[in-house]
Amino acid sequence: EKYCRDLIWNAATSLDVEIVMRLSSKFAHAYGLNKVFPQTSLVEFLLSSPKKMDTSRGSNCESDIRFDLIMTESAVRLCLSYLPVINQSKVLRKCLIDLERDSRASRDYDRHTLVLTLYSECLGKLVTRKETRVKALEAETLRVQRRFDVLALLSTTFESYPW
C-alpha cells in the first residue's frame, strides 16, 4: 500500500486526477490491494495542506491542484463518487483529523471549511441509511457543527491580521 500511496501522492502533483485514479487503480488491482484504496489515498492527498514548495516531491504552486480549492473540491467529489458512503465518511474523518493536526494548515480556514462541508454532507447521507447508528451520527454531526462555529469565529477574528 505504501508504494501505491507514494505513486498517488507523487503523480497527483502534476497529473490530472482522472489519470491518477486510473493509474493507481490499475496498480492496486495488479498487486491485489483493496479496491477503494486508490480513491481514499487520492482524497487524502487532495485534502492535505500543500507546502509552498515541496522539493522532496517536486511539488510547486503551479502544478499542485491543492492550491486551487475549487478544482480540489471538484476532484475530491469525483473521487468520493467512486466510494461507498461508509468509506467516504471514514476517509473524510481521517482528512479532518489530519488537517487539524497539521501545523501548516492552522490558518488555512478555507481548506478546513471544505473538509468540514464534505464530511457534513457525508454524515447527512449516512443518517438516511437504516442500518446506521443514529446516536453516534447525531453526536458526530454536533461535533462537526461546533467545528464550523469555531472556524467561523477564528476566520472572522483573524482575517485582518497579516500573517
N, C-alpha and C. Protein backbone atom coordinates (compact mmCIF):
# COMPACT_ATOMS: atom_id res chain seq x y z
N GLU A 1 0.82 -1.20 0.00
CA GLU A 1 0.00 0.00 0.00
C GLU A 1 0.86 1.27 0.00
N LYS A 2 2.02 1.20 0.63
CA LYS A 2 2.89 2.37 0.69
C LYS A 2 3.31 2.81 -0.72
N TYR A 3 3.64 1.83 -1.58
CA TYR A 3 4.06 2.17 -2.94
C TYR A 3 2.91 2.80 -3.73
N CYS A 4 1.72 2.29 -3.54
CA CYS A 4 0.55 2.86 -4.22
C CYS A 4 0.29 4.28 -3.71
N ARG A 5 0.39 4.46 -2.41
CA ARG A 5 0.19 5.78 -1.82
C ARG A 5 1.24 6.76 -2.35
N ASP A 6 2.50 6.33 -2.39
CA ASP A 6 3.56 7.19 -2.91
C ASP A 6 3.33 7.52 -4.38
N LEU A 7 2.89 6.54 -5.15
CA LEU A 7 2.58 6.76 -6.56
C LEU A 7 1.51 7.85 -6.69
N ILE A 8 0.46 7.73 -5.90
CA ILE A 8 -0.65 8.70 -5.96
C ILE A 8 -0.17 10.08 -5.55
N TRP A 9 0.52 10.18 -4.43
CA TRP A 9 0.93 11.48 -3.92
C TRP A 9 1.93 12.16 -4.85
N ASN A 10 2.79 11.40 -5.50
CA ASN A 10 3.75 12.00 -6.43
C ASN A 10 3.11 12.35 -7.76
N ALA A 11 2.28 11.46 -8.28
CA ALA A 11 1.65 11.71 -9.58
C ALA A 11 0.61 12.82 -9.51
N ALA A 12 -0.10 12.91 -8.41
CA ALA A 12 -1.20 13.87 -8.30
C ALA A 12 -0.73 15.32 -8.28
N THR A 13 0.54 15.56 -8.00
CA THR A 13 1.03 16.94 -8.01
C THR A 13 1.18 17.49 -9.42
N SER A 14 1.25 16.59 -10.42
CA SER A 14 1.46 17.10 -11.76
C SER A 14 0.53 16.52 -12.82
N LEU A 15 -0.18 15.43 -12.52
CA LEU A 15 -1.07 14.82 -13.50
C LEU A 15 -2.54 15.11 -13.17
N ASP A 16 -3.38 14.95 -14.16
CA ASP A 16 -4.82 15.10 -13.98
C ASP A 16 -5.34 14.03 -13.02
N VAL A 17 -6.33 14.37 -12.22
CA VAL A 17 -6.86 13.47 -11.20
C VAL A 17 -7.41 12.18 -11.81
N GLU A 18 -8.11 12.28 -12.93
CA GLU A 18 -8.66 11.08 -13.55
C GLU A 18 -7.56 10.13 -14.01
N ILE A 19 -6.46 10.67 -14.51
CA ILE A 19 -5.33 9.85 -14.92
C ILE A 19 -4.71 9.17 -13.71
N VAL A 20 -4.57 9.92 -12.62
CA VAL A 20 -4.02 9.35 -11.40
C VAL A 20 -4.92 8.24 -10.87
N MET A 21 -6.22 8.44 -10.93
CA MET A 21 -7.16 7.40 -10.47
C MET A 21 -7.03 6.14 -11.32
N ARG A 22 -6.97 6.29 -12.62
CA ARG A 22 -6.84 5.11 -13.50
C ARG A 22 -5.52 4.39 -13.24
N LEU A 23 -4.44 5.15 -13.17
CA LEU A 23 -3.11 4.58 -12.95
C LEU A 23 -3.04 3.86 -11.61
N SER A 24 -3.52 4.50 -10.56
CA SER A 24 -3.44 3.90 -9.22
C SER A 24 -4.40 2.72 -9.09
N SER A 25 -5.54 2.76 -9.75
CA SER A 25 -6.47 1.63 -9.71
C SER A 25 -5.87 0.41 -10.39
N LYS A 26 -5.20 0.63 -11.52
CA LYS A 26 -4.52 -0.49 -12.19
C LYS A 26 -3.41 -1.05 -11.32
N PHE A 27 -2.67 -0.16 -10.66
CA PHE A 27 -1.60 -0.59 -9.76
C PHE A 27 -2.19 -1.41 -8.61
N ALA A 28 -3.25 -0.93 -8.01
CA ALA A 28 -3.88 -1.63 -6.88
C ALA A 28 -4.41 -2.99 -7.32
N HIS A 29 -5.04 -3.04 -8.48
CA HIS A 29 -5.56 -4.30 -8.99
C HIS A 29 -4.43 -5.29 -9.27
N ALA A 30 -3.35 -4.81 -9.88
CA ALA A 30 -2.22 -5.68 -10.23
C ALA A 30 -1.56 -6.27 -8.99
N TYR A 31 -1.57 -5.53 -7.88
CA TYR A 31 -0.91 -6.01 -6.67
C TYR A 31 -1.88 -6.47 -5.59
N GLY A 32 -3.15 -6.63 -5.95
CA GLY A 32 -4.13 -7.19 -5.04
C GLY A 32 -4.47 -6.32 -3.84
N LEU A 33 -4.40 -5.01 -4.01
CA LEU A 33 -4.75 -4.11 -2.92
C LEU A 33 -6.26 -3.90 -2.87
N ASN A 34 -6.72 -3.37 -1.76
CA ASN A 34 -8.13 -3.05 -1.58
C ASN A 34 -8.57 -2.13 -2.72
N LYS A 35 -9.74 -2.42 -3.31
CA LYS A 35 -10.16 -1.65 -4.49
C LYS A 35 -10.51 -0.20 -4.17
N VAL A 36 -10.79 0.15 -2.91
CA VAL A 36 -11.08 1.54 -2.58
C VAL A 36 -9.83 2.31 -2.13
N PHE A 37 -8.72 1.62 -1.99
CA PHE A 37 -7.50 2.28 -1.51
C PHE A 37 -7.05 3.43 -2.41
N PRO A 38 -7.02 3.27 -3.74
CA PRO A 38 -6.56 4.39 -4.58
C PRO A 38 -7.39 5.66 -4.40
N GLN A 39 -8.72 5.51 -4.37
CA GLN A 39 -9.56 6.69 -4.23
C GLN A 39 -9.40 7.33 -2.85
N THR A 40 -9.33 6.51 -1.81
CA THR A 40 -9.18 7.09 -0.47
C THR A 40 -7.83 7.78 -0.32
N SER A 41 -6.80 7.19 -0.87
CA SER A 41 -5.48 7.81 -0.79
C SER A 41 -5.42 9.11 -1.59
N LEU A 42 -6.10 9.13 -2.72
CA LEU A 42 -6.14 10.36 -3.53
C LEU A 42 -6.93 11.46 -2.81
N VAL A 43 -8.02 11.10 -2.16
CA VAL A 43 -8.78 12.09 -1.37
C VAL A 43 -7.90 12.63 -0.25
N GLU A 44 -7.17 11.76 0.42
CA GLU A 44 -6.26 12.20 1.49
C GLU A 44 -5.23 13.19 0.95
N PHE A 45 -4.68 12.89 -0.22
CA PHE A 45 -3.72 13.82 -0.82
C PHE A 45 -4.38 15.16 -1.14
N LEU A 46 -5.52 15.11 -1.81
CA LEU A 46 -6.17 16.34 -2.26
C LEU A 46 -6.57 17.25 -1.10
N LEU A 47 -6.96 16.67 0.01
CA LEU A 47 -7.41 17.48 1.14
C LEU A 47 -6.30 17.80 2.12
N SER A 48 -5.10 17.32 1.85
CA SER A 48 -3.97 17.66 2.72
C SER A 48 -3.50 19.07 2.40
N SER A 49 -2.80 19.65 3.34
CA SER A 49 -2.33 21.01 3.17
C SER A 49 -1.04 21.01 2.36
N PRO A 50 -1.01 21.76 1.25
CA PRO A 50 0.22 21.81 0.45
C PRO A 50 1.25 22.73 1.08
N LYS A 51 2.49 22.45 0.79
CA LYS A 51 3.56 23.35 1.21
C LYS A 51 3.78 24.33 0.07
N LYS A 52 4.38 25.46 0.38
CA LYS A 52 4.67 26.44 -0.68
C LYS A 52 5.59 25.85 -1.73
N MET A 53 6.59 25.10 -1.27
CA MET A 53 7.48 24.43 -2.20
C MET A 53 7.96 23.15 -1.55
N ASP A 54 7.51 22.04 -2.06
CA ASP A 54 7.86 20.75 -1.51
C ASP A 54 8.88 20.11 -2.44
N THR A 55 10.14 20.37 -2.20
CA THR A 55 11.19 19.89 -3.10
C THR A 55 11.37 18.39 -3.04
N SER A 56 11.02 17.76 -1.94
CA SER A 56 11.17 16.31 -1.84
C SER A 56 10.23 15.57 -2.78
N ARG A 57 9.12 16.20 -3.14
CA ARG A 57 8.16 15.56 -4.04
C ARG A 57 8.04 16.29 -5.37
N GLY A 58 8.78 17.34 -5.55
CA GLY A 58 8.73 18.09 -6.79
C GLY A 58 7.47 18.92 -6.94
N SER A 59 6.81 19.22 -5.86
CA SER A 59 5.56 19.96 -5.91
C SER A 59 5.82 21.46 -5.90
N ASN A 60 5.04 22.18 -6.66
CA ASN A 60 5.11 23.63 -6.58
C ASN A 60 3.73 24.21 -6.83
N CYS A 61 3.62 25.51 -6.64
CA CYS A 61 2.31 26.18 -6.72
C CYS A 61 1.66 26.05 -8.09
N GLU A 62 2.44 25.99 -9.15
CA GLU A 62 1.86 25.97 -10.49
C GLU A 62 1.19 24.64 -10.84
N SER A 63 1.77 23.53 -10.38
CA SER A 63 1.25 22.24 -10.81
C SER A 63 0.42 21.51 -9.76
N ASP A 64 0.47 21.91 -8.53
CA ASP A 64 -0.21 21.21 -7.46
C ASP A 64 -1.67 21.68 -7.38
N ILE A 65 -2.58 20.76 -7.64
CA ILE A 65 -4.02 21.08 -7.66
C ILE A 65 -4.50 21.60 -6.31
N ARG A 66 -3.84 21.23 -5.22
CA ARG A 66 -4.31 21.61 -3.89
C ARG A 66 -4.27 23.11 -3.64
N PHE A 67 -3.54 23.86 -4.46
CA PHE A 67 -3.51 25.31 -4.29
C PHE A 67 -4.77 25.99 -4.84
N ASP A 68 -5.55 25.27 -5.62
CA ASP A 68 -6.82 25.78 -6.16
C ASP A 68 -7.96 24.98 -5.52
N LEU A 69 -8.59 25.57 -4.51
CA LEU A 69 -9.61 24.84 -3.76
C LEU A 69 -10.86 24.51 -4.57
N ILE A 70 -11.15 25.29 -5.58
CA ILE A 70 -12.31 24.99 -6.42
C ILE A 70 -12.05 23.72 -7.23
N MET A 71 -10.87 23.62 -7.82
CA MET A 71 -10.51 22.41 -8.56
C MET A 71 -10.35 21.23 -7.60
N THR A 72 -9.82 21.50 -6.43
CA THR A 72 -9.66 20.44 -5.43
C THR A 72 -11.01 19.86 -5.04
N GLU A 73 -11.97 20.73 -4.79
CA GLU A 73 -13.30 20.26 -4.41
C GLU A 73 -13.92 19.39 -5.51
N SER A 74 -13.78 19.82 -6.76
CA SER A 74 -14.32 19.03 -7.88
C SER A 74 -13.64 17.66 -7.94
N ALA A 75 -12.33 17.65 -7.78
CA ALA A 75 -11.58 16.40 -7.84
C ALA A 75 -11.95 15.48 -6.68
N VAL A 76 -12.11 16.04 -5.50
CA VAL A 76 -12.48 15.23 -4.33
C VAL A 76 -13.88 14.65 -4.53
N ARG A 77 -14.81 15.46 -5.01
CA ARG A 77 -16.17 14.95 -5.23
C ARG A 77 -16.17 13.83 -6.27
N LEU A 78 -15.32 13.94 -7.28
CA LEU A 78 -15.20 12.88 -8.27
C LEU A 78 -14.69 11.60 -7.62
N CYS A 79 -13.64 11.71 -6.83
CA CYS A 79 -13.09 10.53 -6.15
C CYS A 79 -14.10 9.91 -5.19
N LEU A 80 -14.80 10.75 -4.45
CA LEU A 80 -15.78 10.26 -3.49
C LEU A 80 -16.93 9.53 -4.18
N SER A 81 -17.25 9.92 -5.40
CA SER A 81 -18.36 9.28 -6.11
C SER A 81 -18.07 7.80 -6.41
N TYR A 82 -16.81 7.41 -6.37
CA TYR A 82 -16.43 6.01 -6.61
C TYR A 82 -16.40 5.19 -5.33
N LEU A 83 -16.63 5.82 -4.20
CA LEU A 83 -16.54 5.13 -2.91
C LEU A 83 -17.92 4.91 -2.30
N PRO A 84 -18.10 3.80 -1.58
CA PRO A 84 -19.34 3.63 -0.80
C PRO A 84 -19.40 4.71 0.28
N VAL A 85 -20.58 5.06 0.72
CA VAL A 85 -20.77 6.16 1.67
C VAL A 85 -19.98 5.93 2.96
N ILE A 86 -19.92 4.71 3.45
CA ILE A 86 -19.20 4.45 4.69
C ILE A 86 -17.71 4.72 4.52
N ASN A 87 -17.15 4.37 3.35
CA ASN A 87 -15.74 4.67 3.08
C ASN A 87 -15.51 6.16 2.90
N GLN A 88 -16.51 6.85 2.33
CA GLN A 88 -16.42 8.31 2.21
C GLN A 88 -16.29 8.94 3.59
N SER A 89 -17.14 8.51 4.51
CA SER A 89 -17.11 9.09 5.85
C SER A 89 -15.79 8.79 6.56
N LYS A 90 -15.28 7.59 6.38
CA LYS A 90 -14.01 7.23 7.02
C LYS A 90 -12.87 8.09 6.52
N VAL A 91 -12.77 8.23 5.20
CA VAL A 91 -11.64 8.99 4.66
C VAL A 91 -11.78 10.48 4.98
N LEU A 92 -12.99 11.00 4.95
CA LEU A 92 -13.17 12.42 5.25
C LEU A 92 -12.90 12.72 6.72
N ARG A 93 -13.28 11.81 7.60
CA ARG A 93 -12.97 11.99 9.02
C ARG A 93 -11.46 11.96 9.24
N LYS A 94 -10.79 11.04 8.57
CA LYS A 94 -9.33 10.96 8.67
C LYS A 94 -8.68 12.25 8.15
N CYS A 95 -9.19 12.75 7.04
CA CYS A 95 -8.66 14.00 6.48
C CYS A 95 -8.87 15.17 7.43
N LEU A 96 -10.02 15.21 8.08
CA LEU A 96 -10.31 16.28 9.03
C LEU A 96 -9.33 16.21 10.21
N ILE A 97 -9.13 15.04 10.74
CA ILE A 97 -8.21 14.87 11.87
C ILE A 97 -6.78 15.22 11.45
N ASP A 98 -6.36 14.74 10.29
CA ASP A 98 -5.00 15.04 9.80
C ASP A 98 -4.80 16.53 9.58
N LEU A 99 -5.81 17.19 9.04
CA LEU A 99 -5.72 18.62 8.79
C LEU A 99 -5.63 19.41 10.10
N GLU A 100 -6.38 18.98 11.10
CA GLU A 100 -6.33 19.66 12.39
C GLU A 100 -4.98 19.47 13.08
N ARG A 101 -4.32 18.37 12.81
CA ARG A 101 -3.00 18.10 13.41
C ARG A 101 -1.86 18.79 12.68
N ASP A 102 -2.09 19.15 11.43
CA ASP A 102 -1.04 19.72 10.58
C ASP A 102 -0.84 21.20 10.92
N SER A 103 0.33 21.54 11.42
CA SER A 103 0.60 22.92 11.81
C SER A 103 0.61 23.87 10.61
N ARG A 104 0.95 23.35 9.43
CA ARG A 104 0.94 24.21 8.23
C ARG A 104 -0.47 24.68 7.90
N ALA A 105 -1.47 23.91 8.30
CA ALA A 105 -2.86 24.22 7.95
C ALA A 105 -3.60 24.97 9.04
N SER A 106 -2.89 25.42 10.04
CA SER A 106 -3.57 26.04 11.18
C SER A 106 -4.37 27.29 10.80
N ARG A 107 -3.95 27.99 9.75
CA ARG A 107 -4.69 29.19 9.32
C ARG A 107 -5.33 29.02 7.95
N ASP A 108 -5.38 27.80 7.48
CA ASP A 108 -6.00 27.53 6.18
C ASP A 108 -7.49 27.28 6.39
N TYR A 109 -8.21 28.35 6.73
CA TYR A 109 -9.62 28.23 7.09
C TYR A 109 -10.49 27.75 5.93
N ASP A 110 -10.13 28.12 4.71
CA ASP A 110 -10.92 27.68 3.55
C ASP A 110 -10.82 26.17 3.36
N ARG A 111 -9.63 25.62 3.54
CA ARG A 111 -9.45 24.16 3.41
C ARG A 111 -10.21 23.43 4.52
N HIS A 112 -10.14 23.96 5.73
CA HIS A 112 -10.90 23.37 6.84
C HIS A 112 -12.40 23.40 6.54
N THR A 113 -12.88 24.51 6.01
CA THR A 113 -14.30 24.63 5.67
C THR A 113 -14.68 23.61 4.61
N LEU A 114 -13.83 23.43 3.61
CA LEU A 114 -14.11 22.46 2.56
C LEU A 114 -14.23 21.05 3.14
N VAL A 115 -13.28 20.66 3.97
CA VAL A 115 -13.31 19.32 4.55
C VAL A 115 -14.53 19.15 5.45
N LEU A 116 -14.82 20.15 6.27
CA LEU A 116 -15.99 20.07 7.14
C LEU A 116 -17.29 19.98 6.33
N THR A 117 -17.38 20.73 5.26
CA THR A 117 -18.57 20.70 4.41
C THR A 117 -18.76 19.32 3.80
N LEU A 118 -17.69 18.76 3.23
CA LEU A 118 -17.78 17.44 2.62
C LEU A 118 -18.15 16.38 3.65
N TYR A 119 -17.53 16.47 4.82
CA TYR A 119 -17.80 15.50 5.88
C TYR A 119 -19.24 15.63 6.38
N SER A 120 -19.71 16.84 6.54
CA SER A 120 -21.08 17.07 6.98
C SER A 120 -22.09 16.50 5.97
N GLU A 121 -21.83 16.72 4.69
CA GLU A 121 -22.70 16.17 3.65
C GLU A 121 -22.72 14.65 3.71
N CYS A 122 -21.55 14.07 3.94
CA CYS A 122 -21.44 12.62 4.01
C CYS A 122 -22.20 12.07 5.22
N LEU A 123 -22.09 12.75 6.35
CA LEU A 123 -22.84 12.32 7.53
C LEU A 123 -24.34 12.39 7.27
N GLY A 124 -24.75 13.40 6.53
CA GLY A 124 -26.17 13.52 6.16
C GLY A 124 -26.64 12.33 5.33
N LYS A 125 -25.78 11.83 4.45
CA LYS A 125 -26.12 10.64 3.66
C LYS A 125 -26.24 9.41 4.55
N LEU A 126 -25.35 9.33 5.54
CA LEU A 126 -25.37 8.16 6.44
C LEU A 126 -26.61 8.13 7.31
N VAL A 127 -27.09 9.30 7.72
CA VAL A 127 -28.27 9.37 8.59
C VAL A 127 -29.48 8.77 7.89
N THR A 128 -29.57 8.91 6.58
CA THR A 128 -30.73 8.41 5.85
C THR A 128 -30.71 6.89 5.68
N ARG A 129 -29.58 6.26 5.94
CA ARG A 129 -29.49 4.80 5.83
C ARG A 129 -30.08 4.15 7.08
N LYS A 130 -30.73 3.04 6.91
CA LYS A 130 -31.43 2.39 8.02
C LYS A 130 -30.50 1.65 8.96
N GLU A 131 -29.37 1.17 8.47
CA GLU A 131 -28.52 0.35 9.32
C GLU A 131 -27.49 1.15 10.12
N THR A 132 -27.57 2.45 10.09
CA THR A 132 -26.58 3.27 10.80
C THR A 132 -26.94 3.45 12.27
N ARG A 133 -25.93 3.77 13.03
CA ARG A 133 -26.11 4.04 14.46
C ARG A 133 -26.47 5.52 14.61
N VAL A 134 -27.72 5.78 14.85
CA VAL A 134 -28.26 7.13 14.84
C VAL A 134 -27.64 8.01 15.93
N LYS A 135 -27.52 7.50 17.13
CA LYS A 135 -26.97 8.31 18.25
C LYS A 135 -25.54 8.73 17.95
N ALA A 136 -24.73 7.82 17.46
CA ALA A 136 -23.32 8.13 17.16
C ALA A 136 -23.24 9.17 16.04
N LEU A 137 -24.09 9.04 15.04
CA LEU A 137 -24.09 10.01 13.94
C LEU A 137 -24.55 11.39 14.40
N GLU A 138 -25.55 11.41 15.27
CA GLU A 138 -26.01 12.70 15.79
C GLU A 138 -24.91 13.38 16.60
N ALA A 139 -24.18 12.62 17.39
CA ALA A 139 -23.07 13.17 18.18
C ALA A 139 -21.97 13.69 17.27
N GLU A 140 -21.65 12.93 16.24
CA GLU A 140 -20.61 13.36 15.30
C GLU A 140 -21.05 14.61 14.53
N THR A 141 -22.31 14.66 14.16
CA THR A 141 -22.84 15.83 13.46
C THR A 141 -22.75 17.07 14.35
N LEU A 142 -23.03 16.92 15.63
CA LEU A 142 -22.90 18.04 16.56
C LEU A 142 -21.45 18.50 16.69
N ARG A 143 -20.52 17.54 16.71
CA ARG A 143 -19.09 17.90 16.77
C ARG A 143 -18.67 18.67 15.52
N VAL A 144 -19.15 18.24 14.37
CA VAL A 144 -18.84 18.94 13.12
C VAL A 144 -19.42 20.35 13.16
N GLN A 145 -20.64 20.50 13.66
CA GLN A 145 -21.26 21.82 13.74
C GLN A 145 -20.47 22.74 14.68
N ARG A 146 -19.99 22.20 15.79
CA ARG A 146 -19.16 23.00 16.70
C ARG A 146 -17.86 23.44 16.01
N ARG A 147 -17.30 22.54 15.21
CA ARG A 147 -16.08 22.90 14.47
C ARG A 147 -16.38 24.03 13.48
N PHE A 148 -17.53 23.95 12.80
CA PHE A 148 -17.94 25.03 11.90
C PHE A 148 -18.03 26.35 12.66
N ASP A 149 -18.65 26.32 13.85
CA ASP A 149 -18.80 27.53 14.65
C ASP A 149 -17.45 28.11 15.06
N VAL A 150 -16.55 27.26 15.50
CA VAL A 150 -15.21 27.71 15.90
C VAL A 150 -14.47 28.27 14.70
N LEU A 151 -14.58 27.59 13.57
CA LEU A 151 -13.91 28.06 12.35
C LEU A 151 -14.43 29.42 11.92
N ALA A 152 -15.74 29.62 12.01
CA ALA A 152 -16.31 30.93 11.67
C ALA A 152 -15.80 32.01 12.60
N LEU A 153 -15.71 31.70 13.87
CA LEU A 153 -15.19 32.65 14.84
C LEU A 153 -13.72 32.99 14.56
N LEU A 154 -12.91 31.96 14.33
CA LEU A 154 -11.49 32.19 14.05
C LEU A 154 -11.27 32.98 12.77
N SER A 155 -11.98 32.61 11.73
CA SER A 155 -11.77 33.29 10.46
C SER A 155 -12.20 34.74 10.50
N THR A 156 -13.28 35.07 11.20
CA THR A 156 -13.69 36.46 11.28
C THR A 156 -12.77 37.27 12.21
N THR A 157 -12.26 36.60 13.22
CA THR A 157 -11.38 37.30 14.17
C THR A 157 -10.02 37.60 13.56
N PHE A 158 -9.46 36.64 12.84
CA PHE A 158 -8.10 36.77 12.36
C PHE A 158 -7.94 37.09 10.90
N GLU A 159 -9.04 37.35 10.19
CA GLU A 159 -8.92 37.61 8.76
C GLU A 159 -8.18 38.91 8.45
N SER A 160 -8.16 39.85 9.35
CA SER A 160 -7.50 41.12 9.07
C SER A 160 -6.02 41.12 9.49
N TYR A 161 -5.58 40.06 10.16
CA TYR A 161 -4.18 40.00 10.58
C TYR A 161 -3.28 39.59 9.42
N PRO A 162 -2.19 40.32 9.20
CA PRO A 162 -1.23 39.91 8.16
C PRO A 162 -0.34 38.81 8.72
N TRP A 163 -0.35 37.65 8.13
CA TRP A 163 0.46 36.54 8.60
C TRP A 163 1.73 36.56 7.82
